[in-house]
Amino acid sequence: MPEPQSDPSRPRSRPSPPPGAAPACREPELQRLRADHAPALLAFERENRAWFAASIPDRGDAYFTGFAARHAELLAEQDEGLHHFHVLVGADGAIVGRVNLVDVADGSAELGYRVAEKATGRGLATAAVGRLCRLAADTYGLTTLRAKTTLDNAGSRAVLARTGFTPVGETVLDGRPGLRFVRDLTRPAPKP
């Protein structure tokens, strides 16, 4: 059966979601970390602490009790060019992820990222890491990114593979076996 022809004189509209369906959400915005992100960032870290600790080393109680001072330190280090911190901010202003470049030196940095439990499974980490790789090359002038994850963190390994990182060796993270990865930013990005 042929496709129905559309009338070019009629404005196009998106189909309405079925009754009871959630409205379409826009993708969270990647923003450079700022001082005013502090309350939402602390809420994000508290709400997801147990979730994160299941796959990466826990930040410890001191991180939460000294959050304000640590946030100020991170912003100062970012201003010095030592790190580039980013958050994924939803339409409601809530932070649903972090994507960071730390230990920036000699055209290289280490990538770290985490996504809220409620936001997993939607490709947010892959999209955010891909955007940050482009930002690292185009804005920060970096040529190489490093990353590492535990062997039992299949989701993180998949994000790294989908965004062009290749494994380069073994490591140990908080007593757990892991892998080290590298991404050459001078090479074309992988196709999604």
C-alpha atoms as a PDB file:
ATOM      1  CA  MET A   1       0.000   0.000   0.000  1.00  0.00           C
ATOM      2  CA  PRO A   2       1.478   3.430  -0.913  1.00  0.00           C
ATOM      3  CA  GLU A   3       2.371   5.948   1.752  1.00  0.00           C
ATOM      4  CA  PRO A   4      -0.197   8.732   2.144  1.00  0.00           C
ATOM      5  CA  GLN A   5       0.973  11.986   0.633  1.00  0.00           C
ATOM      6  CA  SER A   6       1.275  14.948   2.952  1.00  0.00           C
ATOM      7  CA  ASP A   7      -0.102  18.319   2.052  1.00  0.00           C
ATOM      8  CA  PRO A   8       2.911  20.733   2.054  1.00  0.00           C
ATOM      9  CA  SER A   9       0.603  23.684   2.694  1.00  0.00           C
ATOM     10  CA  ARG A  10      -0.482  22.258   6.052  1.00  0.00           C
ATOM     11  CA  PRO A  11       1.825  22.810   9.038  1.00  0.00           C
ATOM     12  CA  ARG A  12       3.393  19.663  10.415  1.00  0.00           C
ATOM     13  CA  SER A  13       2.724  18.759  13.994  1.00  0.00           C
ATOM     14  CA  ARG A  14       3.991  16.042  16.226  1.00  0.00           C
ATOM     15  CA  PRO A  15       1.565  13.269  16.953  1.00  0.00           C
ATOM     16  CA  SER A  16      -0.014  13.516  20.365  1.00  0.00           C
ATOM     17  CA  PRO A  17       1.176  10.961  22.888  1.00  0.00           C
ATOM     18  CA  PRO A  18      -1.336   8.247  23.721  1.00  0.00           C
ATOM     19  CA  PRO A  19      -3.607   8.976  26.700  1.00  0.00           C
ATOM     20  CA  GLY A  20      -1.721   8.444  29.957  1.00  0.00           C
ATOM     21  CA  ALA A  21       1.707   8.520  28.286  1.00  0.00           C
ATOM     22  CA  ALA A  22       4.406  10.759  29.672  1.00  0.00           C
ATOM     23  CA  PRO A  23       5.109  13.865  27.574  1.00  0.00           C
ATOM     24  CA  ALA A  24       8.261  13.831  25.469  1.00  0.00           C
ATOM     25  CA  CYS A  25      11.278  15.039  27.437  1.00  0.00           C
ATOM     26  CA  ARG A  26      14.112  17.023  26.015  1.00  0.00           C
ATOM     27  CA  GLU A  27      17.600  15.693  26.427  1.00  0.00           C
ATOM     28  CA  PRO A  28      19.441  17.037  29.487  1.00  0.00           C
ATOM     29  CA  GLU A  29      21.778  19.935  28.782  1.00  0.00           C
ATOM     30  CA  LEU A  30      25.524  19.550  29.312  1.00  0.00           C
ATOM     31  CA  GLN A  31      26.676  22.543  31.367  1.00  0.00           C
ATOM     32  CA  ARG A  32      30.077  23.524  32.717  1.00  0.00           C
ATOM     33  CA  LEU A  33      30.027  23.271  36.522  1.00  0.00           C
ATOM     34  CA  ARG A  34      29.193  26.544  38.276  1.00  0.00           C
ATOM     35  CA  ALA A  35      28.745  27.668  41.872  1.00  0.00           C
ATOM     36  CA  ASP A  36      24.954  27.744  41.553  1.00  0.00           C
ATOM     37  CA  HIS A  37      24.907  24.027  40.667  1.00  0.00           C
ATOM     38  CA  ALA A  38      25.918  23.149  44.248  1.00  0.00           C
ATOM     39  CA  PRO A  39      22.456  22.392  45.750  1.00  0.00           C
ATOM     40  CA  ALA A  40      21.334  20.256  42.790  1.00  0.00           C
ATOM     41  CA  LEU A  41      24.705  18.499  42.625  1.00  0.00           C
ATOM     42  CA  LEU A  42      24.631  17.625  46.316  1.00  0.00           C
ATOM     43  CA  ALA A  43      21.067  16.295  45.937  1.00  0.00           C
ATOM     44  CA  PHE A  44      22.183  14.196  42.931  1.00  0.00           C
ATOM     45  CA  GLU A  45      25.116  12.706  44.854  1.00  0.00           C
ATOM     46  CA  ARG A  46      23.009  11.957  47.957  1.00  0.00           C
ATOM     47  CA  GLU A  47      20.117  10.405  46.031  1.00  0.00           C
ATOM     48  CA  ASN A  48      22.437   8.142  44.055  1.00  0.00           C
ATOM     49  CA  ARG A  49      25.106   7.320  46.627  1.00  0.00           C
ATOM     50  CA  ALA A  50      24.160   3.663  47.086  1.00  0.00           C
ATOM     51  CA  TRP A  51      23.634   3.209  43.346  1.00  0.00           C
ATOM     52  CA  PHE A  52      27.089   4.573  42.544  1.00  0.00           C
ATOM     53  CA  ALA A  53      28.792   2.640  45.341  1.00  0.00           C
ATOM     54  CA  ALA A  54      27.596  -0.612  43.789  1.00  0.00           C
ATOM     55  CA  SER A  55      29.918  -0.096  40.806  1.00  0.00           C
ATOM     56  CA  ILE A  56      32.498   2.558  41.736  1.00  0.00           C
ATOM     57  CA  PRO A  57      34.323   3.466  44.946  1.00  0.00           C
ATOM     58  CA  ASP A  58      32.128   5.365  47.420  1.00  0.00           C
ATOM     59  CA  ARG A  59      33.018   9.015  48.032  1.00  0.00           C
ATOM     60  CA  GLY A  60      32.812   8.568  51.798  1.00  0.00           C
ATOM     61  CA  ASP A  61      30.979  10.583  54.443  1.00  0.00           C
ATOM     62  CA  ALA A  62      33.547  13.398  54.404  1.00  0.00           C
ATOM     63  CA  TYR A  63      32.561  14.233  50.823  1.00  0.00           C
ATOM     64  CA  PHE A  64      29.016  15.042  51.949  1.00  0.00           C
ATOM     65  CA  THR A  65      29.849  16.831  55.210  1.00  0.00           C
ATOM     66  CA  GLY A  66      32.457  19.015  53.491  1.00  0.00           C
ATOM     67  CA  PHE A  67      30.583  19.404  50.209  1.00  0.00           C
ATOM     68  CA  ALA A  68      30.443  23.230  50.112  1.00  0.00           C
ATOM     69  CA  ALA A  69      34.178  23.638  50.661  1.00  0.00           C
ATOM     70  CA  ARG A  70      35.014  20.867  48.189  1.00  0.00           C
ATOM     71  CA  HIS A  71      32.712  22.404  45.547  1.00  0.00           C
ATOM     72  CA  ALA A  72      34.517  25.751  45.932  1.00  0.00           C
ATOM     73  CA  GLU A  73      37.902  23.982  45.627  1.00  0.00           C
ATOM     74  CA  LEU A  74      36.813  22.212  42.447  1.00  0.00           C
ATOM     75  CA  LEU A  75      35.649  25.465  40.876  1.00  0.00           C
ATOM     76  CA  ALA A  76      38.969  27.114  41.745  1.00  0.00           C
ATOM     77  CA  GLU A  77      40.874  24.186  40.186  1.00  0.00           C
ATOM     78  CA  GLN A  78      38.648  24.426  37.117  1.00  0.00           C
ATOM     79  CA  ASP A  79      39.406  28.152  36.835  1.00  0.00           C
ATOM     80  CA  GLU A  80      43.117  27.264  36.851  1.00  0.00           C
ATOM     81  CA  GLY A  81      42.553  24.842  33.939  1.00  0.00           C
ATOM     82  CA  LEU A  82      43.435  21.748  35.957  1.00  0.00           C
ATOM     83  CA  HIS A  83      40.032  20.129  35.376  1.00  0.00           C
ATOM     84  CA  HIS A  84      36.845  20.618  33.341  1.00  0.00           C
ATOM     85  CA  PHE A  85      33.715  19.625  35.270  1.00  0.00           C
ATOM     86  CA  HIS A  86      30.291  19.283  33.648  1.00  0.00           C
ATOM     87  CA  VAL A  87      26.793  18.354  34.755  1.00  0.00           C
ATOM     88  CA  LEU A  88      23.767  17.087  32.850  1.00  0.00           C
ATOM     89  CA  VAL A  89      20.851  19.308  33.806  1.00  0.00           C
ATOM     90  CA  GLY A  90      17.267  18.266  33.108  1.00  0.00           C
ATOM     91  CA  ALA A  91      14.425  20.609  32.142  1.00  0.00           C
ATOM     92  CA  ASP A  92      13.401  20.809  35.811  1.00  0.00           C
ATOM     93  CA  GLY A  93      16.893  21.955  36.884  1.00  0.00           C
ATOM     94  CA  ALA A  94      17.742  18.632  38.509  1.00  0.00           C
ATOM     95  CA  ILE A  95      21.156  17.168  37.791  1.00  0.00           C
ATOM     96  CA  VAL A  96      20.928  13.707  36.237  1.00  0.00           C
ATOM     97  CA  GLY A  97      24.612  13.144  35.506  1.00  0.00           C
ATOM     98  CA  ARG A  98      28.189  14.326  35.705  1.00  0.00           C
ATOM     99  CA  VAL A  99      30.879  14.147  33.028  1.00  0.00           C
ATOM    100  CA  ASN A 100      34.322  15.377  34.018  1.00  0.00           C
ATOM    101  CA  LEU A 101      37.806  15.772  32.642  1.00  0.00           C
ATOM    102  CA  VAL A 102      40.397  15.712  35.428  1.00  0.00           C
ATOM    103  CA  ASP A 103      44.159  15.989  35.616  1.00  0.00           C
ATOM    104  CA  VAL A 104      44.420  18.047  32.434  1.00  0.00           C
ATOM    105  CA  ALA A 105      48.050  18.216  31.276  1.00  0.00           C
ATOM    106  CA  ASP A 106      50.023  17.953  28.046  1.00  0.00           C
ATOM    107  CA  GLY A 107      46.924  17.676  25.824  1.00  0.00           C
ATOM    108  CA  SER A 108      45.461  14.847  27.862  1.00  0.00           C
ATOM    109  CA  ALA A 109      42.916  14.309  30.640  1.00  0.00           C
ATOM    110  CA  GLU A 110      41.115  11.528  32.472  1.00  0.00           C
ATOM    111  CA  LEU A 111      37.402  11.113  31.812  1.00  0.00           C
ATOM    112  CA  GLY A 112      34.963  10.291  34.599  1.00  0.00           C
ATOM    113  CA  TYR A 113      31.171  10.132  34.450  1.00  0.00           C
ATOM    114  CA  ARG A 114      28.133   8.988  36.372  1.00  0.00           C
ATOM    115  CA  VAL A 115      24.409   9.047  35.638  1.00  0.00           C
ATOM    116  CA  ALA A 116      21.530   8.943  38.117  1.00  0.00           C
ATOM    117  CA  GLU A 117      19.920   5.563  38.594  1.00  0.00           C
ATOM    118  CA  LYS A 118      16.556   6.886  37.390  1.00  0.00           C
ATOM    119  CA  ALA A 119      18.175   8.141  34.161  1.00  0.00           C
ATOM    120  CA  THR A 120      19.989   4.954  33.119  1.00  0.00           C
ATOM    121  CA  GLY A 121      19.125   2.935  30.058  1.00  0.00           C
ATOM    122  CA  ARG A 122      18.275   5.936  27.866  1.00  0.00           C
ATOM    123  CA  GLY A 123      21.672   6.531  26.265  1.00  0.00           C
ATOM    124  CA  LEU A 124      22.403   9.645  28.361  1.00  0.00           C
ATOM    125  CA  ALA A 125      25.890   8.541  29.382  1.00  0.00           C
ATOM    126  CA  THR A 126      26.850   7.681  25.802  1.00  0.00           C
ATOM    127  CA  ALA A 127      25.492  10.985  24.481  1.00  0.00           C
ATOM    128  CA  ALA A 128      27.159  13.007  27.244  1.00  0.00           C
ATOM    129  CA  VAL A 129      30.536  11.299  26.830  1.00  0.00           C
ATOM    130  CA  GLY A 130      30.323  11.828  23.069  1.00  0.00           C
ATOM    131  CA  ARG A 131      29.552  15.533  23.546  1.00  0.00           C
ATOM    132  CA  LEU A 132      32.363  15.898  26.058  1.00  0.00           C
ATOM    133  CA  CYS A 133      34.838  14.220  23.689  1.00  0.00           C
ATOM    134  CA  ARG A 134      33.970  16.812  21.023  1.00  0.00           C
ATOM    135  CA  LEU A 135      34.216  19.615  23.590  1.00  0.00           C
ATOM    136  CA  ALA A 136      37.569  18.269  24.812  1.00  0.00           C
ATOM    137  CA  ALA A 137      39.007  18.437  21.304  1.00  0.00           C
ATOM    138  CA  ASP A 138      37.291  21.551  19.961  1.00  0.00           C
ATOM    139  CA  THR A 139      37.191  23.810  23.028  1.00  0.00           C
ATOM    140  CA  TYR A 140      39.809  22.512  25.458  1.00  0.00           C
ATOM    141  CA  GLY A 141      42.374  21.558  22.796  1.00  0.00           C
ATOM    142  CA  LEU A 142      42.925  18.052  24.142  1.00  0.00           C
ATOM    143  CA  THR A 143      44.194  15.217  21.957  1.00  0.00           C
ATOM    144  CA  THR A 144      43.880  12.195  24.254  1.00  0.00           C
ATOM    145  CA  LEU A 145      41.441  11.058  26.924  1.00  0.00           C
ATOM    146  CA  ARG A 146      41.972   8.264  29.413  1.00  0.00           C
ATOM    147  CA  ALA A 147      39.317   6.375  31.380  1.00  0.00           C
ATOM    148  CA  LYS A 148      39.061   3.342  33.628  1.00  0.00           C
ATOM    149  CA  THR A 149      36.308   1.152  34.960  1.00  0.00           C
ATOM    150  CA  THR A 150      35.874  -2.065  36.874  1.00  0.00           C
ATOM    151  CA  LEU A 151      35.400  -5.287  34.935  1.00  0.00           C
ATOM    152  CA  ASP A 152      31.997  -5.832  36.533  1.00  0.00           C
ATOM    153  CA  ASN A 153      30.695  -2.453  35.280  1.00  0.00           C
ATOM    154  CA  ALA A 154      29.421  -3.640  31.889  1.00  0.00           C
ATOM    155  CA  GLY A 155      27.415  -0.430  31.330  1.00  0.00           C
ATOM    156  CA  SER A 156      30.462   1.777  31.690  1.00  0.00           C
ATOM    157  CA  ARG A 157      32.554  -0.448  29.448  1.00  0.00           C
ATOM    158  CA  ALA A 158      29.798  -0.277  26.800  1.00  0.00           C
ATOM    159  CA  VAL A 159      29.674   3.549  26.977  1.00  0.00           C
ATOM    160  CA  LEU A 160      33.430   3.730  26.487  1.00  0.00           C
ATOM    161  CA  ALA A 161      33.344   1.317  23.539  1.00  0.00           C
ATOM    162  CA  ARG A 162      30.467   3.195  21.848  1.00  0.00           C
ATOM    163  CA  THR A 163      32.332   6.509  22.170  1.00  0.00           C
ATOM    164  CA  GLY A 164      35.607   5.349  20.628  1.00  0.00           C
ATOM    165  CA  PHE A 165      37.678   4.340  23.669  1.00  0.00           C
ATOM    166  CA  THR A 166      39.864   1.260  23.357  1.00  0.00           C
ATOM    167  CA  PRO A 167      41.141  -0.911  26.220  1.00  0.00           C
ATOM    168  CA  VAL A 168      44.883  -0.572  26.808  1.00  0.00           C
ATOM    169  CA  GLY A 169      45.531  -2.572  29.946  1.00  0.00           C
ATOM    170  CA  GLU A 170      44.399  -3.865  33.280  1.00  0.00           C
ATOM    171  CA  THR A 171      44.159  -1.946  36.545  1.00  0.00           C
ATOM    172  CA  VAL A 172      42.751  -2.301  40.046  1.00  0.00           C
ATOM    173  CA  LEU A 173      40.097   0.126  41.334  1.00  0.00           C
ATOM    174  CA  ASP A 174      39.312   0.055  45.043  1.00  0.00           C
ATOM    175  CA  GLY A 175      40.554  -3.537  45.204  1.00  0.00           C
ATOM    176  CA  ARG A 176      38.503  -4.648  42.175  1.00  0.00           C
ATOM    177  CA  PRO A 177      39.903  -5.681  38.787  1.00  0.00           C
ATOM    178  CA  GLY A 178      39.400  -3.162  36.036  1.00  0.00           C
ATOM    179  CA  LEU A 179      40.475  -1.927  32.629  1.00  0.00           C
ATOM    180  CA  ARG A 180      42.190   1.236  31.422  1.00  0.00           C
ATOM    181  CA  PHE A 181      40.965   2.855  28.186  1.00  0.00           C
ATOM    182  CA  VAL A 182      42.256   5.553  25.814  1.00  0.00           C
ATOM    183  CA  ARG A 183      40.567   7.696  23.161  1.00  0.00           C
ATOM    184  CA  ASP A 184      42.624   9.491  20.508  1.00  0.00           C
ATOM    185  CA  LEU A 185      40.690  12.702  19.845  1.00  0.00           C
ATOM    186  CA  THR A 186      42.643  13.420  16.647  1.00  0.00           C
ATOM    187  CA  ARG A 187      40.858  10.514  14.950  1.00  0.00           C
ATOM    188  CA  PRO A 188      37.294  10.776  13.626  1.00  0.00           C
ATOM    189  CA  ALA A 189      34.565  10.035  16.154  1.00  0.00           C
ATOM    190  CA  PRO A 190      32.846   6.676  15.807  1.00  0.00           C
ATOM    191  CA  LYS A 191      29.471   6.613  14.053  1.00  0.00           C
ATOM    192  CA  PRO A 192      26.562   6.290  16.520  1.00  0.00           C
END
